[in-house]
């Protein structure tokens, strides 16, 4: 089945597909093992930085190998900002791309988004776009970014954007931020704003960026109100590094990766399994 089928199924049945970003083979493997165990479709993503570190061709090859373990794995380019780089990702085998023009003037954002859609559609590739910049970064952050009313996605503007660009998915700003607050404070999700957007945009898939650290009740409300894709990155990175640090601290003389990394994979897999269960995507294939 294609990714679009599962997004449509999620929208119809009120659950969400998790996108789990990876920058190491271990994070990818853990995500796939979790999906297989939970019988869930998943999206695995690489941002510009992650895909440049791994290499676009190498990333596609790794995901193809993992599909032998579990075939319901789809690869998305996350926060692609340059048309030529997005084009390259499509050409080497990504299943979907996210054009992030949220820092551009609206007219330029629309112009490039239309160009991405025109190129992608000929190759049956899904396109996600972003109008409003979701603040923060995918790490543990000390100072929570201030999110003002004008930072939130405007339903009427979102409708115009969709009509102009014809993108498949729209990443919206409803109070989340990239990263997890060191204080443990949760984002203030504007469910009413999400519902207003959903009423205006009924066919487009709505995406929640900054899913790490969001309260369970808000995730459930967001899915019920129209979110069909949720991005997770920081929690996976944090689990990877904290587990690795703990192992090396407790076993300072250990130098063999294949004796170190299974515990890292196991702990990341647990996080992904918890997210799949929360998103309602278990047993959907």
C-alpha atoms as a PDB file:
ATOM      1  CA  UNK A   1       0.000   0.000   0.000  1.00  0.00           C
ATOM      2  CA  UNK A   2       1.076   3.596  -0.624  1.00  0.00           C
ATOM      3  CA  UNK A   3       1.561   6.188   2.116  1.00  0.00           C
ATOM      4  CA  UNK A   4      -1.482   8.118   0.903  1.00  0.00           C
ATOM      5  CA  UNK A   5      -3.681   5.087   1.601  1.00  0.00           C
ATOM      6  CA  UNK A   6      -2.631   5.029   5.264  1.00  0.00           C
ATOM      7  CA  UNK A   7      -2.992   8.786   5.662  1.00  0.00           C
ATOM      8  CA  UNK A   8      -6.511   8.555   4.259  1.00  0.00           C
ATOM      9  CA  UNK A   9      -7.246   5.595   6.535  1.00  0.00           C
ATOM     10  CA  UNK A  10      -5.901   7.513   9.556  1.00  0.00           C
ATOM     11  CA  UNK A  11      -8.027  10.534   8.686  1.00  0.00           C
ATOM     12  CA  UNK A  12     -11.147   8.433   8.240  1.00  0.00           C
ATOM     13  CA  UNK A  13     -10.653   6.331  11.369  1.00  0.00           C
ATOM     14  CA  UNK A  14      -9.284   9.088  13.660  1.00  0.00           C
ATOM     15  CA  UNK A  15      -5.744   7.919  14.376  1.00  0.00           C
ATOM     16  CA  UNK A  16      -2.339   9.266  13.405  1.00  0.00           C
ATOM     17  CA  UNK A  17       0.796   7.953  11.737  1.00  0.00           C
ATOM     18  CA  UNK A  18       3.997   8.695  13.595  1.00  0.00           C
ATOM     19  CA  UNK A  19       6.994  10.144  11.782  1.00  0.00           C
ATOM     20  CA  UNK A  20      10.159   9.114  13.585  1.00  0.00           C
ATOM     21  CA  UNK A  21      13.268  10.968  12.481  1.00  0.00           C
ATOM     22  CA  UNK A  22      16.624   9.239  12.470  1.00  0.00           C
ATOM     23  CA  UNK A  23      20.252  10.229  12.107  1.00  0.00           C
ATOM     24  CA  UNK A  24      21.769   6.818  12.920  1.00  0.00           C
ATOM     25  CA  UNK A  25      21.041   3.260  11.715  1.00  0.00           C
ATOM     26  CA  UNK A  26      20.179   2.314  15.307  1.00  0.00           C
ATOM     27  CA  UNK A  27      17.313   4.825  15.549  1.00  0.00           C
ATOM     28  CA  UNK A  28      15.960   3.634  12.201  1.00  0.00           C
ATOM     29  CA  UNK A  29      16.203  -0.029  13.217  1.00  0.00           C
ATOM     30  CA  UNK A  30      14.513   0.616  16.566  1.00  0.00           C
ATOM     31  CA  UNK A  31      11.627   2.426  14.863  1.00  0.00           C
ATOM     32  CA  UNK A  32      11.106  -0.383  12.362  1.00  0.00           C
ATOM     33  CA  UNK A  33      11.252  -3.096  15.043  1.00  0.00           C
ATOM     34  CA  UNK A  34       8.639  -1.177  17.035  1.00  0.00           C
ATOM     35  CA  UNK A  35       6.390  -0.828  13.988  1.00  0.00           C
ATOM     36  CA  UNK A  36       6.675  -4.541  13.247  1.00  0.00           C
ATOM     37  CA  UNK A  37       5.869  -5.514  16.821  1.00  0.00           C
ATOM     38  CA  UNK A  38       2.901  -3.132  16.957  1.00  0.00           C
ATOM     39  CA  UNK A  39       1.756  -3.939  13.382  1.00  0.00           C
ATOM     40  CA  UNK A  40       1.747  -0.250  12.510  1.00  0.00           C
ATOM     41  CA  UNK A  41       2.572   1.765   9.397  1.00  0.00           C
ATOM     42  CA  UNK A  42       5.241   4.369  10.134  1.00  0.00           C
ATOM     43  CA  UNK A  43       7.017   7.223   8.447  1.00  0.00           C
ATOM     44  CA  UNK A  44      10.735   7.603   9.038  1.00  0.00           C
ATOM     45  CA  UNK A  45      12.170  11.024   8.364  1.00  0.00           C
ATOM     46  CA  UNK A  46      15.432  12.814   7.816  1.00  0.00           C
ATOM     47  CA  UNK A  47      15.813  16.560   8.069  1.00  0.00           C
ATOM     48  CA  UNK A  48      18.232  18.439   5.847  1.00  0.00           C
ATOM     49  CA  UNK A  49      20.973  18.054   8.444  1.00  0.00           C
ATOM     50  CA  UNK A  50      20.213  14.388   9.061  1.00  0.00           C
ATOM     51  CA  UNK A  51      20.029  13.508   5.363  1.00  0.00           C
ATOM     52  CA  UNK A  52      23.257  15.342   4.583  1.00  0.00           C
ATOM     53  CA  UNK A  53      25.008  13.519   7.409  1.00  0.00           C
ATOM     54  CA  UNK A  54      23.753  10.107   6.279  1.00  0.00           C
ATOM     55  CA  UNK A  55      23.659  10.836   2.531  1.00  0.00           C
ATOM     56  CA  UNK A  56      20.450  10.747   0.490  1.00  0.00           C
ATOM     57  CA  UNK A  57      21.333   7.568  -1.412  1.00  0.00           C
ATOM     58  CA  UNK A  58      22.555   5.845   1.726  1.00  0.00           C
ATOM     59  CA  UNK A  59      19.355   6.803   3.565  1.00  0.00           C
ATOM     60  CA  UNK A  60      17.151   5.324   0.851  1.00  0.00           C
ATOM     61  CA  UNK A  61      19.261   2.147   0.823  1.00  0.00           C
ATOM     62  CA  UNK A  62      18.964   1.749   4.611  1.00  0.00           C
ATOM     63  CA  UNK A  63      15.199   2.135   4.517  1.00  0.00           C
ATOM     64  CA  UNK A  64      14.885  -0.346   1.646  1.00  0.00           C
ATOM     65  CA  UNK A  65      16.862  -2.857   3.714  1.00  0.00           C
ATOM     66  CA  UNK A  66      14.624  -2.281   6.738  1.00  0.00           C
ATOM     67  CA  UNK A  67      11.521  -2.916   4.612  1.00  0.00           C
ATOM     68  CA  UNK A  68      12.612  -6.553   4.415  1.00  0.00           C
ATOM     69  CA  UNK A  69      11.919  -6.638   8.160  1.00  0.00           C
ATOM     70  CA  UNK A  70       8.673  -4.643   7.944  1.00  0.00           C
ATOM     71  CA  UNK A  71       7.376  -3.384   4.582  1.00  0.00           C
ATOM     72  CA  UNK A  72       5.062  -0.652   5.893  1.00  0.00           C
ATOM     73  CA  UNK A  73       7.811   1.946   6.307  1.00  0.00           C
ATOM     74  CA  UNK A  74       7.728   5.210   4.335  1.00  0.00           C
ATOM     75  CA  UNK A  75      10.569   7.717   3.966  1.00  0.00           C
ATOM     76  CA  UNK A  76      10.000  11.471   4.172  1.00  0.00           C
ATOM     77  CA  UNK A  77      12.402  14.374   3.669  1.00  0.00           C
ATOM     78  CA  UNK A  78      11.713  16.620   6.657  1.00  0.00           C
ATOM     79  CA  UNK A  79      12.051  20.424   6.489  1.00  0.00           C
ATOM     80  CA  UNK A  80      13.466  20.554   2.977  1.00  0.00           C
ATOM     81  CA  UNK A  81      14.154  24.202   2.205  1.00  0.00           C
ATOM     82  CA  UNK A  82      15.756  24.158  -1.246  1.00  0.00           C
ATOM     83  CA  UNK A  83      13.949  23.018  -4.378  1.00  0.00           C
ATOM     84  CA  UNK A  84      16.996  21.326  -5.895  1.00  0.00           C
ATOM     85  CA  UNK A  85      17.642  19.309  -2.722  1.00  0.00           C
ATOM     86  CA  UNK A  86      13.990  18.249  -2.548  1.00  0.00           C
ATOM     87  CA  UNK A  87      14.174  17.280  -6.218  1.00  0.00           C
ATOM     88  CA  UNK A  88      17.267  15.174  -5.516  1.00  0.00           C
ATOM     89  CA  UNK A  89      15.522  13.393  -2.627  1.00  0.00           C
ATOM     90  CA  UNK A  90      12.572  12.570  -4.893  1.00  0.00           C
ATOM     91  CA  UNK A  91      14.884  11.287  -7.618  1.00  0.00           C
ATOM     92  CA  UNK A  92      16.793   8.907  -5.328  1.00  0.00           C
ATOM     93  CA  UNK A  93      13.659   7.318  -3.871  1.00  0.00           C
ATOM     94  CA  UNK A  94      12.043   9.244  -1.014  1.00  0.00           C
ATOM     95  CA  UNK A  95       8.309   8.485  -0.685  1.00  0.00           C
ATOM     96  CA  UNK A  96       7.333  11.988   0.441  1.00  0.00           C
ATOM     97  CA  UNK A  97       8.875  15.423   0.887  1.00  0.00           C
ATOM     98  CA  UNK A  98       8.232  18.338   3.202  1.00  0.00           C
ATOM     99  CA  UNK A  99       8.909  21.768   1.756  1.00  0.00           C
ATOM    100  CA  UNK A 100       9.449  24.215   4.595  1.00  0.00           C
ATOM    101  CA  UNK A 101       9.020  27.750   3.301  1.00  0.00           C
ATOM    102  CA  UNK A 102       7.719  29.072   6.618  1.00  0.00           C
ATOM    103  CA  UNK A 103      10.457  31.719   6.904  1.00  0.00           C
ATOM    104  CA  UNK A 104       9.860  32.988   3.381  1.00  0.00           C
ATOM    105  CA  UNK A 105       7.448  35.760   2.371  1.00  0.00           C
ATOM    106  CA  UNK A 106       4.032  34.132   1.721  1.00  0.00           C
ATOM    107  CA  UNK A 107       4.103  34.709  -2.055  1.00  0.00           C
ATOM    108  CA  UNK A 108       7.541  33.117  -2.394  1.00  0.00           C
ATOM    109  CA  UNK A 109       6.512  30.207  -0.160  1.00  0.00           C
ATOM    110  CA  UNK A 110       3.507  29.551  -2.394  1.00  0.00           C
ATOM    111  CA  UNK A 111       5.567  29.902  -5.582  1.00  0.00           C
ATOM    112  CA  UNK A 112       8.162  27.314  -4.525  1.00  0.00           C
ATOM    113  CA  UNK A 113       5.534  24.995  -3.021  1.00  0.00           C
ATOM    114  CA  UNK A 114       3.707  24.951  -6.372  1.00  0.00           C
ATOM    115  CA  UNK A 115       6.982  24.119  -8.103  1.00  0.00           C
ATOM    116  CA  UNK A 116       7.643  21.241  -5.677  1.00  0.00           C
ATOM    117  CA  UNK A 117       4.102  19.911  -6.146  1.00  0.00           C
ATOM    118  CA  UNK A 118       4.375  20.064  -9.944  1.00  0.00           C
ATOM    119  CA  UNK A 119       7.597  18.027  -9.872  1.00  0.00           C
ATOM    120  CA  UNK A 120       6.466  15.572  -7.197  1.00  0.00           C
ATOM    121  CA  UNK A 121       3.015  14.811  -8.595  1.00  0.00           C
ATOM    122  CA  UNK A 122       4.463  13.513 -11.868  1.00  0.00           C
ATOM    123  CA  UNK A 123       6.310  10.927  -9.782  1.00  0.00           C
ATOM    124  CA  UNK A 124       3.450  10.102  -7.363  1.00  0.00           C
ATOM    125  CA  UNK A 125       5.306  11.634  -4.429  1.00  0.00           C
ATOM    126  CA  UNK A 126       3.361  13.261  -1.575  1.00  0.00           C
ATOM    127  CA  UNK A 127       4.140  16.847  -0.637  1.00  0.00           C
ATOM    128  CA  UNK A 128       3.837  18.447   2.786  1.00  0.00           C
ATOM    129  CA  UNK A 129       4.198  22.197   3.160  1.00  0.00           C
ATOM    130  CA  UNK A 130       4.486  24.643   6.032  1.00  0.00           C
ATOM    131  CA  UNK A 131       3.082  28.161   6.245  1.00  0.00           C
ATOM    132  CA  UNK A 132       3.862  29.202   9.802  1.00  0.00           C
ATOM    133  CA  UNK A 133       7.226  28.670  11.467  1.00  0.00           C
ATOM    134  CA  UNK A 134       7.144  26.176  14.346  1.00  0.00           C
ATOM    135  CA  UNK A 135       9.729  27.525  16.787  1.00  0.00           C
ATOM    136  CA  UNK A 136      12.426  25.730  18.768  1.00  0.00           C
ATOM    137  CA  UNK A 137      14.909  23.051  17.715  1.00  0.00           C
ATOM    138  CA  UNK A 138      14.972  19.258  18.014  1.00  0.00           C
ATOM    139  CA  UNK A 139      16.909  19.083  21.274  1.00  0.00           C
ATOM    140  CA  UNK A 140      16.418  19.571  25.001  1.00  0.00           C
ATOM    141  CA  UNK A 141      15.872  23.307  25.338  1.00  0.00           C
ATOM    142  CA  UNK A 142      16.179  25.529  28.379  1.00  0.00           C
ATOM    143  CA  UNK A 143      14.146  28.520  27.319  1.00  0.00           C
ATOM    144  CA  UNK A 144      10.732  27.734  25.848  1.00  0.00           C
ATOM    145  CA  UNK A 145      10.008  29.898  22.800  1.00  0.00           C
ATOM    146  CA  UNK A 146       7.209  32.424  23.146  1.00  0.00           C
ATOM    147  CA  UNK A 147       4.312  31.543  20.865  1.00  0.00           C
ATOM    148  CA  UNK A 148       2.022  34.465  20.158  1.00  0.00           C
ATOM    149  CA  UNK A 149      -1.408  34.590  18.576  1.00  0.00           C
ATOM    150  CA  UNK A 150       0.086  35.781  15.279  1.00  0.00           C
ATOM    151  CA  UNK A 151       2.399  32.729  15.223  1.00  0.00           C
ATOM    152  CA  UNK A 152      -0.573  30.361  14.978  1.00  0.00           C
ATOM    153  CA  UNK A 153      -1.922  29.164  11.638  1.00  0.00           C
ATOM    154  CA  UNK A 154      -4.809  31.273  10.375  1.00  0.00           C
ATOM    155  CA  UNK A 155      -7.616  29.020   9.033  1.00  0.00           C
ATOM    156  CA  UNK A 156      -8.579  31.340   6.167  1.00  0.00           C
ATOM    157  CA  UNK A 157      -4.961  31.814   5.093  1.00  0.00           C
ATOM    158  CA  UNK A 158      -4.419  28.065   5.294  1.00  0.00           C
ATOM    159  CA  UNK A 159      -7.355  27.462   2.961  1.00  0.00           C
ATOM    160  CA  UNK A 160      -5.989  29.970   0.435  1.00  0.00           C
ATOM    161  CA  UNK A 161      -2.543  28.362   0.664  1.00  0.00           C
ATOM    162  CA  UNK A 162      -3.988  24.901  -0.023  1.00  0.00           C
ATOM    163  CA  UNK A 163      -6.063  26.158  -2.953  1.00  0.00           C
ATOM    164  CA  UNK A 164      -3.005  27.824  -4.482  1.00  0.00           C
ATOM    165  CA  UNK A 165      -0.448  25.053  -3.944  1.00  0.00           C
ATOM    166  CA  UNK A 166      -2.495  21.804  -4.022  1.00  0.00           C
ATOM    167  CA  UNK A 167      -0.177  20.212  -1.436  1.00  0.00           C
ATOM    168  CA  UNK A 168      -1.234  16.904   0.138  1.00  0.00           C
ATOM    169  CA  UNK A 169      -0.365  17.783   3.744  1.00  0.00           C
ATOM    170  CA  UNK A 170      -0.019  20.937   5.784  1.00  0.00           C
ATOM    171  CA  UNK A 171       2.149  21.346   8.866  1.00  0.00           C
ATOM    172  CA  UNK A 172       0.280  23.734  11.138  1.00  0.00           C
ATOM    173  CA  UNK A 173       1.241  25.881  14.098  1.00  0.00           C
ATOM    174  CA  UNK A 174      -1.137  25.337  17.032  1.00  0.00           C
ATOM    175  CA  UNK A 175       1.178  25.870  19.989  1.00  0.00           C
ATOM    176  CA  UNK A 176       3.843  23.177  19.716  1.00  0.00           C
ATOM    177  CA  UNK A 177       7.550  23.868  19.471  1.00  0.00           C
ATOM    178  CA  UNK A 178      10.450  21.741  18.280  1.00  0.00           C
ATOM    179  CA  UNK A 179      12.340  20.173  21.152  1.00  0.00           C
ATOM    180  CA  UNK A 180      11.554  19.242  24.742  1.00  0.00           C
ATOM    181  CA  UNK A 181      11.689  21.763  27.586  1.00  0.00           C
ATOM    182  CA  UNK A 182      14.333  20.954  30.206  1.00  0.00           C
ATOM    183  CA  UNK A 183      11.832  22.099  32.840  1.00  0.00           C
ATOM    184  CA  UNK A 184       9.347  19.469  31.681  1.00  0.00           C
ATOM    185  CA  UNK A 185       6.786  22.120  30.776  1.00  0.00           C
ATOM    186  CA  UNK A 186       4.370  20.987  28.062  1.00  0.00           C
ATOM    187  CA  UNK A 187       3.320  23.053  25.028  1.00  0.00           C
ATOM    188  CA  UNK A 188      -0.001  24.866  25.255  1.00  0.00           C
ATOM    189  CA  UNK A 189      -1.947  23.252  22.421  1.00  0.00           C
ATOM    190  CA  UNK A 190      -4.693  25.378  20.887  1.00  0.00           C
ATOM    191  CA  UNK A 191      -7.278  22.704  20.138  1.00  0.00           C
ATOM    192  CA  UNK A 192      -9.932  25.254  19.204  1.00  0.00           C
ATOM    193  CA  UNK A 193      -7.630  26.703  16.532  1.00  0.00           C
ATOM    194  CA  UNK A 194      -6.992  23.199  15.191  1.00  0.00           C
ATOM    195  CA  UNK A 195     -10.729  22.563  14.961  1.00  0.00           C
ATOM    196  CA  UNK A 196     -11.203  25.844  13.082  1.00  0.00           C
ATOM    197  CA  UNK A 197      -8.486  24.845  10.597  1.00  0.00           C
ATOM    198  CA  UNK A 198     -10.006  21.396  10.165  1.00  0.00           C
ATOM    199  CA  UNK A 199     -13.413  22.910   9.341  1.00  0.00           C
ATOM    200  CA  UNK A 200     -11.832  25.013   6.598  1.00  0.00           C
ATOM    201  CA  UNK A 201      -9.554  22.294   5.239  1.00  0.00           C
ATOM    202  CA  UNK A 202     -11.399  19.009   5.088  1.00  0.00           C
ATOM    203  CA  UNK A 203      -9.383  16.974   2.591  1.00  0.00           C
ATOM    204  CA  UNK A 204      -5.796  18.012   3.309  1.00  0.00           C
ATOM    205  CA  UNK A 205      -3.803  15.948   5.812  1.00  0.00           C
ATOM    206  CA  UNK A 206      -2.939  18.008   8.908  1.00  0.00           C
ATOM    207  CA  UNK A 207       0.488  17.493  10.472  1.00  0.00           C
ATOM    208  CA  UNK A 208       1.702  18.231  13.999  1.00  0.00           C
ATOM    209  CA  UNK A 209       5.379  19.114  14.230  1.00  0.00           C
ATOM    210  CA  UNK A 210       7.098  19.241  17.608  1.00  0.00           C
ATOM    211  CA  UNK A 211       5.293  16.141  18.882  1.00  0.00           C
ATOM    212  CA  UNK A 212       7.983  15.335  21.456  1.00  0.00           C
ATOM    213  CA  UNK A 213       7.002  16.425  24.941  1.00  0.00           C
ATOM    214  CA  UNK A 214       3.335  17.098  24.166  1.00  0.00           C
ATOM    215  CA  UNK A 215       0.950  15.980  26.913  1.00  0.00           C
ATOM    216  CA  UNK A 216      -0.857  12.692  26.248  1.00  0.00           C
ATOM    217  CA  UNK A 217      -4.287  14.296  26.579  1.00  0.00           C
ATOM    218  CA  UNK A 218      -3.382  16.959  24.015  1.00  0.00           C
ATOM    219  CA  UNK A 219      -2.101  14.346  21.554  1.00  0.00           C
ATOM    220  CA  UNK A 220      -5.400  12.473  21.846  1.00  0.00           C
ATOM    221  CA  UNK A 221      -7.447  15.672  21.450  1.00  0.00           C
ATOM    222  CA  UNK A 222      -5.352  16.707  18.439  1.00  0.00           C
ATOM    223  CA  UNK A 223      -5.939  13.391  16.680  1.00  0.00           C
ATOM    224  CA  UNK A 224      -9.656  13.544  17.437  1.00  0.00           C
ATOM    225  CA  UNK A 225      -9.707  17.071  15.985  1.00  0.00           C
ATOM    226  CA  UNK A 226      -8.014  16.206  12.680  1.00  0.00           C
ATOM    227  CA  UNK A 227      -4.258  15.618  13.041  1.00  0.00           C
ATOM    228  CA  UNK A 228      -3.209  12.539  11.015  1.00  0.00           C
ATOM    229  CA  UNK A 229       0.591  12.728  11.229  1.00  0.00           C
ATOM    230  CA  UNK A 230       2.767  13.520  14.258  1.00  0.00           C
ATOM    231  CA  UNK A 231       6.525  14.122  14.115  1.00  0.00           C
ATOM    232  CA  UNK A 232       8.822  12.785  16.833  1.00  0.00           C
ATOM    233  CA  UNK A 233      12.557  13.447  16.961  1.00  0.00           C
ATOM    234  CA  UNK A 234      13.883  14.932  20.212  1.00  0.00           C
ATOM    235  CA  UNK A 235      12.692  12.083  22.433  1.00  0.00           C
ATOM    236  CA  UNK A 236      14.489   9.575  20.198  1.00  0.00           C
ATOM    237  CA  UNK A 237      17.711  11.591  20.200  1.00  0.00           C
ATOM    238  CA  UNK A 238      17.555  12.007  23.966  1.00  0.00           C
ATOM    239  CA  UNK A 239      16.972   8.279  24.516  1.00  0.00           C
ATOM    240  CA  UNK A 240      19.867   7.428  22.202  1.00  0.00           C
ATOM    241  CA  UNK A 241      22.379   9.705  23.916  1.00  0.00           C
ATOM    242  CA  UNK A 242      21.309   9.170  27.541  1.00  0.00           C
ATOM    243  CA  UNK A 243      21.340   5.373  27.126  1.00  0.00           C
ATOM    244  CA  UNK A 244      24.725   5.450  25.418  1.00  0.00           C
ATOM    245  CA  UNK A 245      26.214   7.725  28.083  1.00  0.00           C
ATOM    246  CA  UNK A 246      24.899   5.481  30.856  1.00  0.00           C
ATOM    247  CA  UNK A 247      26.345   2.336  29.286  1.00  0.00           C
ATOM    248  CA  UNK A 248      29.758   3.899  28.773  1.00  0.00           C
ATOM    249  CA  UNK A 249      29.768   5.416  32.250  1.00  0.00           C
ATOM    250  CA  UNK A 250      29.007   2.050  33.816  1.00  0.00           C
ATOM    251  CA  UNK A 251      31.334   0.138  31.466  1.00  0.00           C
ATOM    252  CA  UNK A 252      34.205   2.557  30.725  1.00  0.00           C
ATOM    253  CA  UNK A 253      36.419  -0.150  29.213  1.00  0.00           C
ATOM    254  CA  UNK A 254      33.802  -1.435  26.759  1.00  0.00           C
ATOM    255  CA  UNK A 255      34.719  -0.579  23.161  1.00  0.00           C
ATOM    256  CA  UNK A 256      32.717  -3.096  21.091  1.00  0.00           C
ATOM    257  CA  UNK A 257      29.748  -1.378  19.400  1.00  0.00           C
ATOM    258  CA  UNK A 258      27.720  -4.564  18.867  1.00  0.00           C
ATOM    259  CA  UNK A 259      27.734  -5.137  22.619  1.00  0.00           C
ATOM    260  CA  UNK A 260      26.782  -1.519  23.361  1.00  0.00           C
ATOM    261  CA  UNK A 261      24.134  -0.661  20.788  1.00  0.00           C
ATOM    262  CA  UNK A 262      21.486  -3.382  21.403  1.00  0.00           C
ATOM    263  CA  UNK A 263      20.503  -1.673  24.687  1.00  0.00           C
ATOM    264  CA  UNK A 264      20.291   1.679  22.875  1.00  0.00           C
ATOM    265  CA  UNK A 265      18.057   0.144  20.197  1.00  0.00           C
ATOM    266  CA  UNK A 266      15.872  -1.547  22.813  1.00  0.00           C
ATOM    267  CA  UNK A 267      15.257   1.711  24.711  1.00  0.00           C
ATOM    268  CA  UNK A 268      14.441   3.686  21.558  1.00  0.00           C
ATOM    269  CA  UNK A 269      12.116   0.906  20.431  1.00  0.00           C
ATOM    270  CA  UNK A 270      10.203   1.248  23.709  1.00  0.00           C
ATOM    271  CA  UNK A 271       9.688   4.973  23.087  1.00  0.00           C
ATOM    272  CA  UNK A 272       8.440   4.357  19.539  1.00  0.00           C
ATOM    273  CA  UNK A 273       6.094   1.600  20.719  1.00  0.00           C
ATOM    274  CA  UNK A 274       4.607   3.970  23.305  1.00  0.00           C
ATOM    275  CA  UNK A 275       4.040   6.617  20.628  1.00  0.00           C
ATOM    276  CA  UNK A 276       2.433   4.144  18.233  1.00  0.00           C
ATOM    277  CA  UNK A 277       0.061   3.056  20.981  1.00  0.00           C
ATOM    278  CA  UNK A 278      -0.731   6.676  21.875  1.00  0.00           C
ATOM    279  CA  UNK A 279      -1.337   7.643  18.234  1.00  0.00           C
ATOM    280  CA  UNK A 280      -3.715   4.711  17.739  1.00  0.00           C
ATOM    281  CA  UNK A 281      -1.758   3.348  14.785  1.00  0.00           C
ATOM    282  CA  UNK A 282      -1.133  -0.147  16.194  1.00  0.00           C
ATOM    283  CA  UNK A 283      -2.750  -3.044  14.318  1.00  0.00           C
ATOM    284  CA  UNK A 284      -3.631  -0.889  11.303  1.00  0.00           C
ATOM    285  CA  UNK A 285      -1.956  -3.035   8.627  1.00  0.00           C
END
